[in-house]
Amino acid sequence: MIDGKISTMSPADLLDGPELIEVVQGGESRRSTISALRSSASITPVASITGLLALVGMVDGQRANTNSYHAGYSFGGGDYVWSASASKDDHDGGSVISPTVPWNGTLADRDDFLNSVGETDPGGTGVWRLSYDSGVNFYQFGAVGTGSDDDYRPCQNFLNFIAVTNVPSADTNGVFGIE
């Protein structure tokens, strides 16, 4: 078993039903059913987007929740749903997160992450999609809003997303540095 992954099952094994599977996350192991992983009552909490990157989805509809976008902050979190058939080419670092785009969580490497630099499975499928029923904000695209950090790329990715989807923006207060 690899942390956050099932290494002994093929995709054909991942049928909805009572089959028990072993889920390993954060060094802890638990048994779960496929249907339980899809349940809205079964949401895996992770601290930040780097934690989400370590959690490769196992079944369509699996849910995860981030407390924040950046570790150590208290904003930018959201609910994500695993979509096994969605293209990794849609990664924008906010509404679509490919777990195979590397990021160490630093602001220095954030823009590369947002631009899909280093995608190890281009053309592949399987991403986390942001659930945005109540709107989205700059912070969910990696902005920090301090005014002293360059938030151009997160803000641009956010604006590109809402321009195409017409999803309402929410909680966009902050001072966003644009260099």
N, C-alpha and C. Protein backbone atom coordinates (compact mmCIF):
# COMPACT_ATOMS: atom_id res chain seq x y z
N MET A 1 0.83 -1.19 0.00
CA MET A 1 0.00 0.00 0.00
C MET A 1 0.88 1.25 0.00
N ILE A 2 0.52 2.19 -0.82
CA ILE A 2 1.17 3.48 -0.85
C ILE A 2 0.21 4.46 -0.21
N ASP A 3 0.71 5.39 0.59
CA ASP A 3 -0.12 6.32 1.31
C ASP A 3 -1.11 7.01 0.37
N GLY A 4 -2.41 6.87 0.65
CA GLY A 4 -3.42 7.52 -0.14
C GLY A 4 -3.81 6.79 -1.41
N LYS A 5 -3.22 5.65 -1.68
CA LYS A 5 -3.49 4.93 -2.92
C LYS A 5 -3.82 3.47 -2.61
N ILE A 6 -4.51 2.86 -3.52
CA ILE A 6 -4.73 1.42 -3.44
C ILE A 6 -3.81 0.80 -4.48
N SER A 7 -2.90 -0.02 -4.05
CA SER A 7 -1.92 -0.58 -4.99
C SER A 7 -2.27 -2.00 -5.41
N THR A 8 -3.29 -2.61 -4.80
CA THR A 8 -3.58 -4.00 -5.10
C THR A 8 -4.88 -4.19 -5.86
N MET A 9 -5.52 -3.11 -6.28
CA MET A 9 -6.80 -3.22 -6.98
C MET A 9 -6.72 -2.60 -8.36
N SER A 10 -7.36 -3.22 -9.31
CA SER A 10 -7.44 -2.66 -10.65
C SER A 10 -8.69 -1.80 -10.73
N PRO A 11 -8.80 -0.90 -11.74
CA PRO A 11 -10.01 -0.10 -11.88
C PRO A 11 -11.27 -0.95 -11.99
N ALA A 12 -11.17 -2.14 -12.57
CA ALA A 12 -12.34 -3.02 -12.67
C ALA A 12 -12.81 -3.47 -11.30
N ASP A 13 -11.93 -3.48 -10.32
CA ASP A 13 -12.31 -3.88 -8.97
C ASP A 13 -13.09 -2.79 -8.25
N LEU A 14 -13.03 -1.56 -8.76
CA LEU A 14 -13.64 -0.44 -8.06
C LEU A 14 -15.10 -0.25 -8.45
N LEU A 15 -15.91 -1.24 -8.23
CA LEU A 15 -17.33 -1.19 -8.51
C LEU A 15 -18.05 -0.77 -7.24
N ASP A 16 -19.20 -0.10 -7.42
CA ASP A 16 -19.98 0.30 -6.26
C ASP A 16 -20.53 -0.95 -5.58
N GLY A 17 -20.39 -1.02 -4.30
CA GLY A 17 -20.91 -2.18 -3.61
C GLY A 17 -20.29 -2.33 -2.24
N PRO A 18 -20.51 -3.48 -1.64
CA PRO A 18 -20.06 -3.68 -0.27
C PRO A 18 -18.61 -4.12 -0.15
N GLU A 19 -17.86 -4.18 -1.28
CA GLU A 19 -16.49 -4.66 -1.22
C GLU A 19 -15.68 -3.82 -0.24
N LEU A 20 -14.96 -4.49 0.62
CA LEU A 20 -14.09 -3.78 1.56
C LEU A 20 -12.75 -3.53 0.91
N ILE A 21 -12.25 -2.32 1.08
CA ILE A 21 -10.92 -1.97 0.60
C ILE A 21 -10.16 -1.36 1.76
N GLU A 22 -8.85 -1.40 1.65
CA GLU A 22 -8.01 -0.80 2.68
C GLU A 22 -7.60 0.58 2.20
N VAL A 23 -7.84 1.58 3.03
CA VAL A 23 -7.48 2.95 2.73
C VAL A 23 -6.34 3.32 3.67
N VAL A 24 -5.23 3.77 3.10
CA VAL A 24 -4.08 4.17 3.90
C VAL A 24 -3.87 5.65 3.67
N GLN A 25 -3.91 6.41 4.77
CA GLN A 25 -3.69 7.85 4.69
C GLN A 25 -2.99 8.30 5.95
N GLY A 26 -1.96 9.09 5.78
CA GLY A 26 -1.23 9.62 6.92
C GLY A 26 -0.65 8.53 7.81
N GLY A 27 -0.30 7.40 7.20
CA GLY A 27 0.29 6.31 7.94
C GLY A 27 -0.71 5.44 8.68
N GLU A 28 -1.99 5.83 8.65
CA GLU A 28 -3.02 5.04 9.31
C GLU A 28 -3.83 4.28 8.27
N SER A 29 -4.24 3.08 8.64
CA SER A 29 -5.00 2.23 7.74
C SER A 29 -6.40 2.02 8.29
N ARG A 30 -7.38 2.00 7.39
CA ARG A 30 -8.75 1.69 7.79
C ARG A 30 -9.43 0.95 6.65
N ARG A 31 -10.45 0.22 6.96
CA ARG A 31 -11.22 -0.48 5.94
C ARG A 31 -12.46 0.35 5.62
N SER A 32 -12.84 0.37 4.35
CA SER A 32 -14.00 1.12 3.91
C SER A 32 -14.63 0.41 2.73
N THR A 33 -15.86 0.78 2.41
CA THR A 33 -16.50 0.25 1.21
C THR A 33 -16.43 1.30 0.13
N ILE A 34 -16.58 0.88 -1.11
CA ILE A 34 -16.58 1.81 -2.24
C ILE A 34 -17.71 2.82 -2.06
N SER A 35 -18.91 2.35 -1.72
CA SER A 35 -20.04 3.27 -1.57
C SER A 35 -19.80 4.25 -0.43
N ALA A 36 -19.11 3.84 0.62
CA ALA A 36 -18.83 4.76 1.73
C ALA A 36 -17.87 5.85 1.30
N LEU A 37 -16.90 5.52 0.44
CA LEU A 37 -15.97 6.55 -0.04
C LEU A 37 -16.69 7.59 -0.88
N ARG A 38 -17.76 7.20 -1.55
CA ARG A 38 -18.54 8.12 -2.37
C ARG A 38 -19.53 8.94 -1.55
N SER A 39 -19.82 8.52 -0.37
CA SER A 39 -20.83 9.16 0.46
C SER A 39 -20.40 10.56 0.88
N SER A 40 -21.36 11.48 0.89
CA SER A 40 -21.05 12.84 1.34
C SER A 40 -20.73 12.86 2.83
N ALA A 41 -21.15 11.80 3.54
CA ALA A 41 -20.83 11.72 4.96
C ALA A 41 -19.38 11.31 5.18
N SER A 42 -18.73 10.80 4.13
CA SER A 42 -17.34 10.36 4.23
C SER A 42 -16.45 11.35 3.49
N ILE A 43 -16.08 12.40 4.17
CA ILE A 43 -15.22 13.43 3.59
C ILE A 43 -13.87 13.36 4.28
N THR A 44 -12.82 13.18 3.49
CA THR A 44 -11.48 13.09 4.04
C THR A 44 -10.93 14.50 4.28
N PRO A 45 -10.61 14.85 5.52
CA PRO A 45 -10.04 16.17 5.78
C PRO A 45 -8.54 16.19 5.51
N VAL A 46 -8.08 17.24 4.86
CA VAL A 46 -6.64 17.47 4.66
C VAL A 46 -6.36 18.93 4.99
N ALA A 47 -5.16 19.21 5.41
CA ALA A 47 -4.83 20.56 5.88
C ALA A 47 -4.77 21.58 4.75
N SER A 48 -4.23 21.18 3.59
CA SER A 48 -4.00 22.16 2.53
C SER A 48 -3.97 21.46 1.18
N ILE A 49 -3.71 22.21 0.13
CA ILE A 49 -3.65 21.63 -1.21
C ILE A 49 -2.51 20.62 -1.32
N THR A 50 -1.40 20.84 -0.63
CA THR A 50 -0.33 19.83 -0.69
C THR A 50 -0.81 18.51 -0.08
N GLY A 51 -1.66 18.57 0.92
CA GLY A 51 -2.26 17.36 1.47
C GLY A 51 -3.20 16.70 0.48
N LEU A 52 -3.93 17.51 -0.27
CA LEU A 52 -4.83 16.98 -1.30
C LEU A 52 -4.03 16.30 -2.41
N LEU A 53 -2.87 16.86 -2.75
CA LEU A 53 -2.02 16.26 -3.78
C LEU A 53 -1.54 14.87 -3.37
N ALA A 54 -1.38 14.66 -2.07
CA ALA A 54 -0.92 13.36 -1.58
C ALA A 54 -2.05 12.34 -1.52
N LEU A 55 -3.29 12.81 -1.66
CA LEU A 55 -4.45 11.94 -1.58
C LEU A 55 -4.99 11.69 -2.98
N VAL A 56 -4.50 10.65 -3.63
CA VAL A 56 -5.00 10.32 -4.96
C VAL A 56 -6.36 9.65 -4.79
N GLY A 57 -7.34 10.16 -5.51
CA GLY A 57 -8.69 9.61 -5.42
C GLY A 57 -8.75 8.15 -5.81
N MET A 58 -9.66 7.44 -5.19
CA MET A 58 -9.78 6.01 -5.44
C MET A 58 -11.04 5.66 -6.21
N VAL A 59 -12.11 6.42 -6.02
CA VAL A 59 -13.36 6.16 -6.72
C VAL A 59 -14.01 7.48 -7.11
N ASP A 60 -14.72 7.47 -8.22
CA ASP A 60 -15.47 8.64 -8.65
C ASP A 60 -16.40 9.10 -7.54
N GLY A 61 -16.43 10.39 -7.28
CA GLY A 61 -17.31 10.92 -6.26
C GLY A 61 -16.72 10.97 -4.87
N GLN A 62 -15.52 10.41 -4.68
CA GLN A 62 -14.87 10.48 -3.37
C GLN A 62 -14.69 11.96 -3.02
N ARG A 63 -14.81 12.30 -1.73
CA ARG A 63 -14.76 13.69 -1.31
C ARG A 63 -13.59 13.95 -0.36
N ALA A 64 -13.07 15.17 -0.46
CA ALA A 64 -12.02 15.63 0.46
C ALA A 64 -12.28 17.11 0.76
N ASN A 65 -11.82 17.55 1.91
CA ASN A 65 -11.97 18.94 2.30
C ASN A 65 -10.62 19.48 2.76
N THR A 66 -10.23 20.63 2.21
CA THR A 66 -9.00 21.29 2.64
C THR A 66 -9.37 22.41 3.62
N ASN A 67 -8.58 22.54 4.68
CA ASN A 67 -8.80 23.63 5.63
C ASN A 67 -8.37 24.96 5.05
N SER A 68 -7.34 24.93 4.22
CA SER A 68 -6.83 26.14 3.59
C SER A 68 -6.11 25.75 2.30
N TYR A 69 -5.75 26.74 1.52
CA TYR A 69 -4.99 26.46 0.31
C TYR A 69 -3.52 26.21 0.66
N HIS A 70 -2.98 27.12 1.46
CA HIS A 70 -1.58 27.05 1.89
C HIS A 70 -1.50 26.53 3.32
N ALA A 71 -0.57 25.67 3.60
CA ALA A 71 -0.36 25.19 4.97
C ALA A 71 -0.05 26.37 5.87
N GLY A 72 -0.63 26.38 7.04
CA GLY A 72 -0.37 27.44 8.01
C GLY A 72 -1.29 28.65 7.88
N TYR A 73 -2.14 28.68 6.87
CA TYR A 73 -3.11 29.76 6.69
C TYR A 73 -4.50 29.24 7.07
N SER A 74 -5.45 30.14 7.20
CA SER A 74 -6.80 29.72 7.58
C SER A 74 -7.84 30.11 6.53
N PHE A 75 -7.41 30.27 5.28
CA PHE A 75 -8.35 30.65 4.23
C PHE A 75 -7.98 29.94 2.92
N GLY A 76 -8.95 29.88 2.02
CA GLY A 76 -8.72 29.25 0.73
C GLY A 76 -9.06 27.77 0.68
N GLY A 77 -9.62 27.26 1.76
CA GLY A 77 -10.00 25.85 1.77
C GLY A 77 -11.27 25.61 0.97
N GLY A 78 -11.58 24.35 0.75
CA GLY A 78 -12.80 24.03 0.03
C GLY A 78 -13.06 22.54 0.00
N ASP A 79 -14.21 22.21 -0.56
CA ASP A 79 -14.60 20.83 -0.74
C ASP A 79 -14.25 20.40 -2.16
N TYR A 80 -13.67 19.22 -2.29
CA TYR A 80 -13.25 18.69 -3.59
C TYR A 80 -13.85 17.31 -3.80
N VAL A 81 -14.16 17.02 -5.06
CA VAL A 81 -14.73 15.73 -5.44
C VAL A 81 -13.84 15.11 -6.50
N TRP A 82 -13.49 13.83 -6.33
CA TRP A 82 -12.63 13.13 -7.28
C TRP A 82 -13.42 12.79 -8.55
N SER A 83 -12.83 13.11 -9.69
CA SER A 83 -13.40 12.77 -10.99
C SER A 83 -12.37 11.96 -11.76
N ALA A 84 -12.57 10.65 -11.82
CA ALA A 84 -11.59 9.75 -12.44
C ALA A 84 -11.48 9.94 -13.94
N SER A 85 -12.53 10.44 -14.60
CA SER A 85 -12.50 10.56 -16.05
C SER A 85 -12.13 11.97 -16.53
N ALA A 86 -12.01 12.93 -15.64
CA ALA A 86 -11.69 14.30 -16.03
C ALA A 86 -10.21 14.42 -16.41
N SER A 87 -9.94 15.24 -17.39
CA SER A 87 -8.58 15.40 -17.93
C SER A 87 -7.68 16.20 -17.00
N LYS A 88 -6.48 15.71 -16.83
CA LYS A 88 -5.46 16.43 -16.05
C LYS A 88 -5.02 17.70 -16.77
N ASP A 89 -5.29 17.77 -18.07
CA ASP A 89 -4.96 18.98 -18.83
C ASP A 89 -5.80 20.18 -18.40
N ASP A 90 -6.89 19.96 -17.67
CA ASP A 90 -7.75 21.04 -17.19
C ASP A 90 -7.25 21.66 -15.89
N HIS A 91 -6.16 21.15 -15.34
CA HIS A 91 -5.61 21.66 -14.08
C HIS A 91 -5.40 23.16 -14.16
N ASP A 92 -5.97 23.89 -13.21
CA ASP A 92 -5.72 25.33 -13.10
C ASP A 92 -5.27 25.71 -11.69
N GLY A 93 -5.09 24.70 -10.85
CA GLY A 93 -4.62 24.95 -9.49
C GLY A 93 -5.68 25.48 -8.56
N GLY A 94 -6.92 25.60 -9.04
CA GLY A 94 -8.00 26.10 -8.20
C GLY A 94 -9.24 25.26 -8.33
N SER A 95 -9.90 25.36 -9.49
CA SER A 95 -11.13 24.59 -9.68
C SER A 95 -10.85 23.15 -10.06
N VAL A 96 -9.69 22.90 -10.62
CA VAL A 96 -9.28 21.54 -11.00
C VAL A 96 -7.85 21.33 -10.51
N ILE A 97 -7.66 20.28 -9.70
CA ILE A 97 -6.34 19.97 -9.15
C ILE A 97 -5.91 18.59 -9.63
N SER A 98 -4.83 18.55 -10.40
CA SER A 98 -4.26 17.27 -10.81
C SER A 98 -3.26 16.84 -9.74
N PRO A 99 -3.41 15.63 -9.20
CA PRO A 99 -2.48 15.18 -8.17
C PRO A 99 -1.09 14.85 -8.70
N THR A 100 -0.92 14.93 -10.02
CA THR A 100 0.40 14.63 -10.60
C THR A 100 1.13 15.88 -11.07
N VAL A 101 0.65 17.05 -10.66
CA VAL A 101 1.42 18.29 -10.85
C VAL A 101 2.14 18.51 -9.54
N PRO A 102 3.47 18.49 -9.54
CA PRO A 102 4.20 18.61 -8.27
C PRO A 102 4.15 20.02 -7.69
N TRP A 103 4.09 20.08 -6.37
CA TRP A 103 4.18 21.36 -5.67
C TRP A 103 4.62 21.09 -4.25
N ASN A 104 5.60 21.88 -3.80
CA ASN A 104 6.11 21.73 -2.44
C ASN A 104 5.39 22.63 -1.44
N GLY A 105 4.41 23.39 -1.90
CA GLY A 105 3.62 24.24 -1.02
C GLY A 105 4.17 25.63 -0.80
N THR A 106 5.31 25.97 -1.41
CA THR A 106 5.89 27.29 -1.20
C THR A 106 5.32 28.31 -2.18
N LEU A 107 5.31 29.57 -1.75
CA LEU A 107 4.89 30.65 -2.65
C LEU A 107 5.83 30.77 -3.84
N ALA A 108 7.10 30.47 -3.63
CA ALA A 108 8.08 30.58 -4.71
C ALA A 108 7.75 29.66 -5.88
N ASP A 109 7.13 28.50 -5.59
CA ASP A 109 6.80 27.53 -6.65
C ASP A 109 5.31 27.49 -6.99
N ARG A 110 4.53 28.34 -6.36
CA ARG A 110 3.07 28.33 -6.56
C ARG A 110 2.68 28.58 -8.01
N ASP A 111 3.28 29.57 -8.67
CA ASP A 111 2.88 29.89 -10.04
C ASP A 111 3.17 28.74 -11.00
N ASP A 112 4.28 28.02 -10.78
CA ASP A 112 4.56 26.84 -11.60
C ASP A 112 3.45 25.80 -11.41
N PHE A 113 3.02 25.60 -10.17
CA PHE A 113 1.93 24.67 -9.89
C PHE A 113 0.66 25.11 -10.62
N LEU A 114 0.33 26.40 -10.51
CA LEU A 114 -0.88 26.92 -11.16
C LEU A 114 -0.82 26.79 -12.68
N ASN A 115 0.38 26.79 -13.24
CA ASN A 115 0.57 26.67 -14.69
C ASN A 115 0.84 25.24 -15.14
N SER A 116 0.67 24.27 -14.25
CA SER A 116 0.85 22.83 -14.56
C SER A 116 2.28 22.44 -14.91
N VAL A 117 3.25 23.23 -14.50
CA VAL A 117 4.65 22.92 -14.80
C VAL A 117 5.04 21.63 -14.08
N GLY A 118 5.57 20.68 -14.82
CA GLY A 118 6.03 19.43 -14.25
C GLY A 118 4.98 18.33 -14.19
N GLU A 119 3.81 18.54 -14.82
CA GLU A 119 2.77 17.50 -14.85
C GLU A 119 3.40 16.19 -15.29
N THR A 120 3.30 15.17 -14.46
CA THR A 120 3.96 13.89 -14.76
C THR A 120 3.10 12.94 -15.57
N ASP A 121 1.83 13.31 -15.78
CA ASP A 121 0.92 12.46 -16.54
C ASP A 121 0.09 13.31 -17.51
N PRO A 122 0.77 14.06 -18.42
CA PRO A 122 0.02 14.90 -19.35
C PRO A 122 -0.91 14.06 -20.22
N GLY A 123 -2.12 14.54 -20.40
CA GLY A 123 -3.09 13.80 -21.18
C GLY A 123 -3.81 12.73 -20.39
N GLY A 124 -3.39 12.51 -19.13
CA GLY A 124 -4.01 11.50 -18.28
C GLY A 124 -5.33 11.98 -17.71
N THR A 125 -5.96 11.14 -16.93
CA THR A 125 -7.23 11.48 -16.30
C THR A 125 -7.15 11.24 -14.79
N GLY A 126 -8.07 11.88 -14.08
CA GLY A 126 -8.16 11.75 -12.63
C GLY A 126 -7.74 13.03 -11.94
N VAL A 127 -8.73 13.82 -11.50
CA VAL A 127 -8.46 15.11 -10.86
C VAL A 127 -9.43 15.33 -9.70
N TRP A 128 -9.06 16.26 -8.83
CA TRP A 128 -9.94 16.77 -7.79
C TRP A 128 -10.62 18.02 -8.34
N ARG A 129 -11.95 18.07 -8.28
CA ARG A 129 -12.72 19.24 -8.74
C ARG A 129 -13.29 19.97 -7.53
N LEU A 130 -13.10 21.28 -7.51
CA LEU A 130 -13.62 22.12 -6.44
C LEU A 130 -15.15 22.15 -6.52
N SER A 131 -15.80 21.94 -5.41
CA SER A 131 -17.25 22.07 -5.33
C SER A 131 -17.53 23.54 -5.01
N TYR A 132 -18.24 24.22 -5.89
CA TYR A 132 -18.39 25.67 -5.72
C TYR A 132 -19.85 26.09 -5.67
N ASP A 133 -20.66 25.35 -4.94
CA ASP A 133 -22.08 25.67 -4.82
C ASP A 133 -22.32 27.08 -4.27
N SER A 134 -21.48 27.51 -3.35
CA SER A 134 -21.68 28.82 -2.73
C SER A 134 -20.71 29.87 -3.26
N GLY A 135 -20.11 29.62 -4.41
CA GLY A 135 -19.19 30.58 -5.01
C GLY A 135 -17.74 30.20 -4.77
N VAL A 136 -16.85 30.91 -5.42
CA VAL A 136 -15.41 30.69 -5.29
C VAL A 136 -14.73 32.02 -4.97
N ASN A 137 -13.49 31.94 -4.53
CA ASN A 137 -12.76 33.17 -4.23
C ASN A 137 -11.30 33.06 -4.66
N PHE A 138 -10.61 34.19 -4.66
CA PHE A 138 -9.21 34.25 -5.05
C PHE A 138 -8.34 33.29 -4.24
N TYR A 139 -8.67 33.15 -2.97
CA TYR A 139 -7.86 32.33 -2.08
C TYR A 139 -7.88 30.86 -2.48
N GLN A 140 -8.98 30.39 -3.08
CA GLN A 140 -9.07 29.00 -3.52
C GLN A 140 -8.26 28.72 -4.78
N PHE A 141 -7.66 29.77 -5.33
CA PHE A 141 -6.75 29.64 -6.46
C PHE A 141 -5.32 29.95 -6.07
N GLY A 142 -5.07 30.05 -4.75
CA GLY A 142 -3.71 30.21 -4.25
C GLY A 142 -3.29 31.61 -3.85
N ALA A 143 -4.17 32.60 -3.99
CA ALA A 143 -3.81 33.96 -3.58
C ALA A 143 -3.66 34.01 -2.05
N VAL A 144 -2.76 34.88 -1.58
CA VAL A 144 -2.60 35.04 -0.14
C VAL A 144 -3.13 36.38 0.36
N GLY A 145 -3.27 37.37 -0.52
CA GLY A 145 -3.91 38.62 -0.17
C GLY A 145 -3.22 39.47 0.87
N THR A 146 -1.89 39.40 0.93
CA THR A 146 -1.16 40.21 1.90
C THR A 146 -0.78 41.57 1.35
N GLY A 147 -0.80 41.69 0.03
CA GLY A 147 -0.37 42.93 -0.61
C GLY A 147 1.11 42.94 -0.88
N SER A 148 1.88 42.12 -0.17
CA SER A 148 3.33 42.09 -0.37
C SER A 148 3.78 40.90 -1.24
N ASP A 149 2.89 39.94 -1.46
CA ASP A 149 3.22 38.79 -2.31
C ASP A 149 2.55 38.98 -3.67
N ASP A 150 3.20 38.52 -4.73
CA ASP A 150 2.64 38.63 -6.07
C ASP A 150 1.52 37.61 -6.25
N ASP A 151 0.30 38.08 -6.33
CA ASP A 151 -0.87 37.23 -6.50
C ASP A 151 -1.42 37.28 -7.92
N TYR A 152 -0.62 37.74 -8.88
CA TYR A 152 -1.12 37.87 -10.25
C TYR A 152 -1.66 36.55 -10.79
N ARG A 153 -0.87 35.48 -10.78
CA ARG A 153 -1.29 34.22 -11.40
C ARG A 153 -2.52 33.63 -10.72
N PRO A 154 -2.60 33.57 -9.37
CA PRO A 154 -3.83 33.06 -8.76
C PRO A 154 -5.05 33.90 -9.13
N CYS A 155 -4.89 35.23 -9.13
CA CYS A 155 -6.02 36.10 -9.47
C CYS A 155 -6.43 35.91 -10.92
N GLN A 156 -5.47 35.77 -11.82
CA GLN A 156 -5.79 35.58 -13.23
C GLN A 156 -6.50 34.24 -13.46
N ASN A 157 -6.02 33.18 -12.82
CA ASN A 157 -6.68 31.87 -12.96
C ASN A 157 -8.11 31.93 -12.41
N PHE A 158 -8.29 32.63 -11.30
CA PHE A 158 -9.63 32.81 -10.73
C PHE A 158 -10.52 33.57 -11.71
N LEU A 159 -10.04 34.68 -12.24
CA LEU A 159 -10.85 35.49 -13.17
C LEU A 159 -11.16 34.71 -14.45
N ASN A 160 -10.20 33.93 -14.94
CA ASN A 160 -10.45 33.10 -16.13
C ASN A 160 -11.57 32.10 -15.83
N PHE A 161 -11.53 31.50 -14.65
CA PHE A 161 -12.53 30.50 -14.28
C PHE A 161 -13.93 31.12 -14.20
N ILE A 162 -14.09 32.23 -13.48
CA ILE A 162 -15.44 32.78 -13.32
C ILE A 162 -15.95 33.39 -14.63
N ALA A 163 -15.06 33.84 -15.52
CA ALA A 163 -15.48 34.38 -16.81
C ALA A 163 -16.10 33.29 -17.68
N VAL A 164 -15.58 32.08 -17.60
CA VAL A 164 -16.07 30.97 -18.41
C VAL A 164 -17.29 30.31 -17.79
N THR A 165 -17.32 30.20 -16.47
CA THR A 165 -18.38 29.42 -15.80
C THR A 165 -19.53 30.27 -15.26
N ASN A 166 -19.31 31.57 -15.09
CA ASN A 166 -20.30 32.46 -14.47
C ASN A 166 -20.64 32.06 -13.04
N VAL A 167 -19.74 31.35 -12.38
CA VAL A 167 -19.91 31.01 -10.97
C VAL A 167 -19.71 32.29 -10.17
N PRO A 168 -20.55 32.56 -9.20
CA PRO A 168 -20.39 33.79 -8.43
C PRO A 168 -19.13 33.77 -7.57
N SER A 169 -18.54 34.94 -7.42
CA SER A 169 -17.38 35.04 -6.53
C SER A 169 -17.89 35.31 -5.12
N ALA A 170 -17.11 34.86 -4.14
CA ALA A 170 -17.49 35.02 -2.74
C ALA A 170 -16.25 35.35 -1.93
N ASP A 171 -16.41 36.19 -0.91
CA ASP A 171 -15.32 36.48 0.03
C ASP A 171 -14.03 36.84 -0.68
N THR A 172 -14.06 37.91 -1.46
CA THR A 172 -12.87 38.31 -2.22
C THR A 172 -12.16 39.49 -1.60
N ASN A 173 -12.36 39.73 -0.32
CA ASN A 173 -11.66 40.83 0.36
C ASN A 173 -10.20 40.49 0.54
N GLY A 174 -9.35 41.47 0.38
CA GLY A 174 -7.93 41.30 0.57
C GLY A 174 -7.16 42.32 -0.24
N VAL A 175 -5.88 42.39 -0.01
CA VAL A 175 -5.01 43.26 -0.79
C VAL A 175 -4.13 42.34 -1.62
N PHE A 176 -4.35 42.33 -2.92
CA PHE A 176 -3.68 41.39 -3.79
C PHE A 176 -2.57 42.08 -4.56
N GLY A 177 -1.33 41.67 -4.31
CA GLY A 177 -0.18 42.22 -5.00
C GLY A 177 -0.12 41.69 -6.42
N ILE A 178 0.01 42.60 -7.38
CA ILE A 178 0.11 42.22 -8.79
C ILE A 178 1.39 42.84 -9.34
N GLU A 179 2.35 41.99 -9.70
CA GLU A 179 3.61 42.50 -10.23
C GLU A 179 3.71 42.25 -11.71
